[in-house]
Every structure is written in structure tokens, then in C-alpha cells.
Amino acid sequence: MANPAFTFHLTNGVRADLAAHGEAALDPAVRERVFRSVIGDLEQPWNPAGIPQPVEPLETWLARSPLIHVTFPEEA
């Protein structure tokens, strides 16, 4: 949070380095909505990432997982 500017490196078929800005997502409602979506996606039968099932409960994600909102400044 002290240095929110960073470079977002795209790989895997697309190569680019994008200037980015990160801000901690601290709003409880936003965090819950995002993590519910992530958990729902990870608990699908098709699991190419090989993430162990079942996924940790929502309460664990909310308590232990950082969440960053990333924006990409417009180029001048």
C-alpha cells in the first residue's frame, strides 16, 4: 500500500508490460462478493489448476486473503 504503482506483466500468448496502480479492496461487501465468486469458480468439477478440493470456506478467505483493485492509467 506504500507503493501502489507497479508494472503488470502479461505473458502466456500476449507479451506486454502495463503501468498499473493497486489499491487494497477493504470494503467488506466487495470482498465478500469477489471471494464468493472465486470460491464458486474454484469448486467446479473441472479444475485445471489442480487446487485441492474443497476450497477453504469464505470466512477463511475474508480473514486471510488480500484483495487488490488494479487500475491501468490512461496513456498520455
N, C-alpha and C. Protein backbone atom coordinates (compact mmCIF):
# COMPACT_ATOMS: atom_id res chain seq x y z
N MET A 1 0.82 -1.18 0.00
CA MET A 1 0.00 0.00 0.00
C MET A 1 0.87 1.25 0.00
N ALA A 2 2.11 1.10 0.46
CA ALA A 2 3.01 2.25 0.48
C ALA A 2 3.45 2.65 -0.93
N ASN A 3 3.52 1.70 -1.85
CA ASN A 3 3.95 1.96 -3.22
C ASN A 3 2.94 1.33 -4.18
N PRO A 4 1.84 2.03 -4.47
CA PRO A 4 0.77 1.43 -5.27
C PRO A 4 1.07 1.30 -6.76
N ALA A 5 2.07 2.00 -7.27
CA ALA A 5 2.39 1.91 -8.71
C ALA A 5 3.24 0.67 -8.95
N PHE A 6 2.91 -0.07 -10.01
CA PHE A 6 3.70 -1.25 -10.36
C PHE A 6 3.54 -1.54 -11.84
N THR A 7 4.27 -2.53 -12.32
CA THR A 7 4.17 -2.95 -13.71
C THR A 7 3.48 -4.31 -13.75
N PHE A 8 2.43 -4.39 -14.56
CA PHE A 8 1.66 -5.61 -14.75
C PHE A 8 2.21 -6.29 -16.00
N HIS A 9 2.83 -7.44 -15.83
CA HIS A 9 3.45 -8.15 -16.95
C HIS A 9 2.48 -9.18 -17.52
N LEU A 10 2.14 -9.05 -18.78
CA LEU A 10 1.29 -10.04 -19.45
C LEU A 10 2.18 -11.05 -20.16
N THR A 11 1.83 -12.31 -20.01
CA THR A 11 2.57 -13.40 -20.66
C THR A 11 1.55 -14.41 -21.16
N ASN A 12 2.01 -15.57 -21.56
CA ASN A 12 1.14 -16.66 -21.98
C ASN A 12 0.34 -16.29 -23.23
N GLY A 13 1.05 -16.01 -24.29
CA GLY A 13 0.41 -15.72 -25.56
C GLY A 13 0.36 -14.24 -25.90
N VAL A 14 0.38 -13.40 -24.89
CA VAL A 14 0.42 -11.94 -25.09
C VAL A 14 1.57 -11.41 -24.27
N ARG A 15 2.42 -10.63 -24.90
CA ARG A 15 3.56 -10.06 -24.18
C ARG A 15 3.37 -8.55 -24.09
N ALA A 16 3.27 -8.04 -22.86
CA ALA A 16 3.14 -6.60 -22.67
C ALA A 16 3.48 -6.27 -21.23
N ASP A 17 3.98 -5.08 -21.01
CA ASP A 17 4.24 -4.56 -19.68
C ASP A 17 3.40 -3.29 -19.53
N LEU A 18 2.43 -3.33 -18.63
CA LEU A 18 1.48 -2.23 -18.48
C LEU A 18 1.68 -1.52 -17.15
N ALA A 19 1.71 -0.20 -17.19
CA ALA A 19 1.74 0.57 -15.95
C ALA A 19 0.42 0.33 -15.23
N ALA A 20 0.49 0.10 -13.92
CA ALA A 20 -0.72 -0.20 -13.16
C ALA A 20 -0.65 0.48 -11.80
N HIS A 21 -1.81 0.53 -11.16
CA HIS A 21 -1.93 1.11 -9.82
C HIS A 21 -2.80 0.16 -9.01
N GLY A 22 -2.34 -0.21 -7.83
CA GLY A 22 -3.10 -1.12 -6.98
C GLY A 22 -3.58 -0.43 -5.72
N GLU A 23 -4.80 -0.77 -5.32
CA GLU A 23 -5.38 -0.22 -4.10
C GLU A 23 -6.06 -1.36 -3.34
N ALA A 24 -5.80 -1.44 -2.06
CA ALA A 24 -6.40 -2.51 -1.25
C ALA A 24 -7.92 -2.40 -1.29
N ALA A 25 -8.58 -3.52 -1.53
CA ALA A 25 -10.04 -3.58 -1.50
C ALA A 25 -10.43 -3.94 -0.07
N LEU A 26 -10.90 -2.96 0.67
CA LEU A 26 -11.19 -3.15 2.09
C LEU A 26 -12.68 -3.20 2.42
N ASP A 27 -13.54 -2.80 1.48
CA ASP A 27 -14.98 -2.80 1.73
C ASP A 27 -15.45 -4.24 1.92
N PRO A 28 -16.03 -4.56 3.09
CA PRO A 28 -16.45 -5.94 3.36
C PRO A 28 -17.42 -6.51 2.32
N ALA A 29 -18.35 -5.71 1.83
CA ALA A 29 -19.31 -6.21 0.85
C ALA A 29 -18.63 -6.56 -0.47
N VAL A 30 -17.70 -5.74 -0.89
CA VAL A 30 -16.95 -6.01 -2.13
C VAL A 30 -16.12 -7.27 -1.95
N ARG A 31 -15.41 -7.37 -0.84
CA ARG A 31 -14.56 -8.55 -0.60
C ARG A 31 -15.40 -9.83 -0.61
N GLU A 32 -16.56 -9.80 0.06
CA GLU A 32 -17.40 -10.99 0.10
C GLU A 32 -17.89 -11.36 -1.29
N ARG A 33 -18.34 -10.39 -2.06
CA ARG A 33 -18.85 -10.67 -3.42
C ARG A 33 -17.75 -11.29 -4.29
N VAL A 34 -16.56 -10.71 -4.25
CA VAL A 34 -15.45 -11.21 -5.08
C VAL A 34 -15.04 -12.61 -4.63
N PHE A 35 -14.85 -12.81 -3.34
CA PHE A 35 -14.39 -14.12 -2.88
C PHE A 35 -15.45 -15.20 -3.06
N ARG A 36 -16.74 -14.87 -2.94
CA ARG A 36 -17.78 -15.86 -3.24
C ARG A 36 -17.68 -16.32 -4.69
N SER A 37 -17.42 -15.38 -5.58
CA SER A 37 -17.28 -15.71 -7.00
C SER A 37 -16.06 -16.59 -7.24
N VAL A 38 -14.94 -16.23 -6.62
CA VAL A 38 -13.71 -17.01 -6.78
C VAL A 38 -13.91 -18.43 -6.26
N ILE A 39 -14.47 -18.55 -5.07
CA ILE A 39 -14.68 -19.87 -4.47
C ILE A 39 -15.62 -20.69 -5.34
N GLY A 40 -16.69 -20.09 -5.83
CA GLY A 40 -17.62 -20.80 -6.70
C GLY A 40 -16.94 -21.32 -7.95
N ASP A 41 -16.06 -20.52 -8.51
CA ASP A 41 -15.34 -20.95 -9.70
C ASP A 41 -14.36 -22.07 -9.38
N LEU A 42 -13.66 -21.98 -8.26
CA LEU A 42 -12.67 -23.00 -7.90
C LEU A 42 -13.32 -24.33 -7.54
N GLU A 43 -14.55 -24.32 -7.10
CA GLU A 43 -15.22 -25.55 -6.70
C GLU A 43 -15.92 -26.27 -7.85
N GLN A 44 -15.66 -25.86 -9.07
CA GLN A 44 -16.22 -26.54 -10.23
C GLN A 44 -15.53 -27.89 -10.41
N PRO A 45 -16.22 -28.88 -10.95
CA PRO A 45 -15.61 -30.19 -11.16
C PRO A 45 -14.38 -30.13 -12.08
N TRP A 46 -14.42 -29.23 -13.06
CA TRP A 46 -13.28 -29.08 -13.97
C TRP A 46 -12.28 -28.16 -13.29
N ASN A 47 -11.11 -28.68 -12.93
CA ASN A 47 -10.17 -27.96 -12.09
C ASN A 47 -8.76 -28.07 -12.69
N PRO A 48 -8.47 -27.35 -13.78
CA PRO A 48 -7.17 -27.49 -14.42
C PRO A 48 -6.01 -27.02 -13.57
N ALA A 49 -6.26 -26.16 -12.59
CA ALA A 49 -5.17 -25.67 -11.73
C ALA A 49 -4.78 -26.70 -10.69
N GLY A 50 -5.60 -27.72 -10.50
CA GLY A 50 -5.29 -28.76 -9.52
C GLY A 50 -5.38 -28.28 -8.08
N ILE A 51 -6.23 -27.27 -7.82
CA ILE A 51 -6.39 -26.75 -6.47
C ILE A 51 -7.13 -27.78 -5.63
N PRO A 52 -6.60 -28.08 -4.43
CA PRO A 52 -7.25 -29.08 -3.59
C PRO A 52 -8.71 -28.71 -3.30
N GLN A 53 -9.55 -29.73 -3.31
CA GLN A 53 -10.97 -29.55 -3.02
C GLN A 53 -11.27 -30.18 -1.67
N PRO A 54 -12.20 -29.69 -0.89
CA PRO A 54 -12.92 -28.46 -1.13
C PRO A 54 -12.03 -27.25 -0.84
N VAL A 55 -12.40 -26.13 -1.39
CA VAL A 55 -11.69 -24.88 -1.18
C VAL A 55 -11.98 -24.40 0.24
N GLU A 56 -11.04 -23.65 0.82
CA GLU A 56 -11.25 -23.09 2.16
C GLU A 56 -12.58 -22.34 2.22
N PRO A 57 -13.23 -22.31 3.38
CA PRO A 57 -14.51 -21.60 3.49
C PRO A 57 -14.36 -20.08 3.31
N LEU A 58 -15.45 -19.44 2.97
CA LEU A 58 -15.46 -18.00 2.74
C LEU A 58 -14.85 -17.23 3.90
N GLU A 59 -15.16 -17.60 5.12
CA GLU A 59 -14.66 -16.88 6.29
C GLU A 59 -13.13 -16.87 6.33
N THR A 60 -12.51 -17.95 5.90
CA THR A 60 -11.05 -18.03 5.87
C THR A 60 -10.50 -17.07 4.81
N TRP A 61 -11.11 -17.06 3.64
CA TRP A 61 -10.68 -16.14 2.59
C TRP A 61 -10.79 -14.70 3.07
N LEU A 62 -11.92 -14.35 3.69
CA LEU A 62 -12.13 -12.98 4.14
C LEU A 62 -11.11 -12.57 5.20
N ALA A 63 -10.75 -13.48 6.07
CA ALA A 63 -9.83 -13.17 7.17
C ALA A 63 -8.37 -13.14 6.73
N ARG A 64 -7.99 -13.95 5.73
CA ARG A 64 -6.57 -14.14 5.45
C ARG A 64 -6.09 -13.69 4.07
N SER A 65 -7.01 -13.37 3.17
CA SER A 65 -6.60 -13.13 1.79
C SER A 65 -6.63 -11.64 1.43
N PRO A 66 -5.50 -11.13 0.95
CA PRO A 66 -5.51 -9.75 0.46
C PRO A 66 -6.30 -9.68 -0.85
N LEU A 67 -6.86 -8.53 -1.12
CA LEU A 67 -7.58 -8.32 -2.36
C LEU A 67 -7.22 -6.93 -2.85
N ILE A 68 -6.72 -6.85 -4.08
CA ILE A 68 -6.24 -5.60 -4.64
C ILE A 68 -7.07 -5.23 -5.84
N HIS A 69 -7.52 -3.98 -5.90
CA HIS A 69 -8.20 -3.45 -7.07
C HIS A 69 -7.12 -2.81 -7.95
N VAL A 70 -6.97 -3.30 -9.14
CA VAL A 70 -5.93 -2.82 -10.06
C VAL A 70 -6.57 -1.96 -11.15
N THR A 71 -5.98 -0.80 -11.38
CA THR A 71 -6.40 0.07 -12.48
C THR A 71 -5.19 0.32 -13.38
N PHE A 72 -5.49 0.63 -14.61
CA PHE A 72 -4.46 0.91 -15.60
C PHE A 72 -4.62 2.34 -16.07
N PRO A 73 -3.70 3.23 -15.68
CA PRO A 73 -3.82 4.63 -16.08
C PRO A 73 -3.82 4.79 -17.60
N GLU A 74 -4.57 5.76 -18.06
CA GLU A 74 -4.60 6.08 -19.49
C GLU A 74 -3.22 6.61 -19.90
N GLU A 75 -2.77 6.20 -21.08
CA GLU A 75 -1.53 6.74 -21.62
C GLU A 75 -1.77 8.16 -22.12
N ALA A 76 -0.82 9.05 -21.87
CA ALA A 76 -0.98 10.45 -22.30
C ALA A 76 -0.61 10.59 -23.76
